[in-house]
């Protein structure tokens, strides 16, 4: 005979399987502090990772049904109909540092001193203010190098909101903002993601930065309003929430500069922006309902393991009563779609609770949410055709430069490298809402509804590939060697280089009867593929059609001011007329443009592809 708790699991599992709705749900946008590059285990099951600005940007452009950000109401959401928001959890903004002279112990800073450092009013690590707060540490006479986010970041918003609470002058001069006009930029190093932030702090002696907690970087204790030295953690964030009254939650509610003696002073809610009755499908609305219910009821331990803090009981009830219970799909109340399931589970709970008592009821509260979500997810994966975008789409082709000879030279290490490559590419595809059409060897064919997202995806892949743990033999291959800028020592190339081609058009779209996925055919597909073939490793080529569409976005901070250069006209196989192609790179690695290694196919009408030298279109990564 099965133990009672196993009977319970079988009953609940069977009940939910019979009651779950079918359907494939496109992931919902995710962005913000500690989320953009490292989505938590629980959140990555439904949300694609993204920075706050990008997630909200996609939300406002109707390519996503929701976004997650530390910014309560992002400006671009103001014109989105039926938009609402609620907090989903809270997190700390850790102050990261590298001071090699500190062999034991942890740096401590009070709130005023911290602001002075980022205002460049305190510029040396042995400044008397810092020394007085760290009597047991040996602090060197070294200049402080600040590493700062230069993108539209929710982390920036949360940090500057705290600074505004700490210092009236900061509030007057800068305020709480996602895009900071940092003072004294000559003593700063820019970073555009959390991973880049940590990497630059770790690699830069005597630096200070901010972001998510990680085991590979030191982070400071901060003295809070009560005069207590506090370490950033899920528990100190939970304490910070206890220092505020949330009986009437509003968009302006925050947990910055808490009065609670055990609360960390630099922390923030992450807010879900969502459409309360106009999601693109009822399946999406139901998935959203299931998932948020699960996070609120059962996701606390998973959140805490990533240093995020679950909402207080009062806030959880607020989200359930004021948001989930009022979520509509057109005229249909979403909660009504799960009434039968809930009743069946409740009947099981009564029966099992009689046997299991209080313990059974406690387990039940966890298991209900888990099975509601997991079984729904299983059904959608098995039973539904997954369609890609149709009509006017952006087509993305990529492959690894010099892969055949690298396989011959590196053997099993190349298998490891390709696995790393695939992981990076698929992470970026999901992050920017791409649709993976097919793969062949190390090549990817992807479609995007939004051309801007396609280019951001390509840019991120080029950057992320540099920071993988490549096998040593791979880094000895000519097309995978580490290359740094002689003047700045900035990393330019490292690891596998991929060539990416982008074209925008209207291909023929059909469902493949075997794979149950959309495939694309026609001239737009051929042009995108030939664009990729003509591209050297480590950069992106786009067609003239793609360039014309993106022209109005080139100065947009959303694209982070890319480097763009016309490479002239190319005779492309199977394409009737010569095509003008443009080289595109993220601004942080624009030095690649004259350090590429050409392919045999890299020929324009004048011969082999020349390294671009003149007429560069490039906008600085710093902005006001």
Foldseek 3Di string as FASTA:
>chain_A
DDPLVVVLLVLLLVLLLVQFDAADAAAAEEAAFPFQVHNFPLNVVRHFHHFQVLNVVCCLVLVGFKYKFLQLDDVSCPPPPQKDKAFQFKFFKFKFAAAPQFPDDFFEEELVVVLCVQLVVDFFQVPVRRCVRPVPGDGDRDTEAEEEEQFQHRSQQLVLCLNVVSDVVSCVPFNRGSHTQGHPCVRYHYDHDQVRQQVCRLVDHNYIYIGFDDPSTGTHFYQAPCRDTEDQAQVLQQQLLVQDDVLPPDSPDWSARGPRNSHRRRMGTIMMIGRQADRPDLLNLLLVLLSSLLSQQAVQVSCRVRRIYGDDPSSSVCCVPVGQQRRHHHPHNSVVSCPVSVVSLVVSLVVSCVVVPPVSVSVSSNVNSVSNNPSNNVNHVPPAQDEDDAFKKKKKKKAWPPLVVLCVQPPPLSVVQLVVLVVLLVSLCSNLSWAFQDDDDSMTIIMGPDLLSVLLSVQSSLVVQQPDPRPPSQCVDPQAPWDADPVPRHTQGHGIFMEMFMEIDGFDWDQDPVVSYIDTDDDRNLVRVQQRVQGFTSWYKYWPRSCVVCVVCCPPSSSLNKKKDWQAWADTPPDDDTTIIMIIHHPSNPVCQQVTDGDPNNAHPVGHGHRDDDDMRTDDSHDD
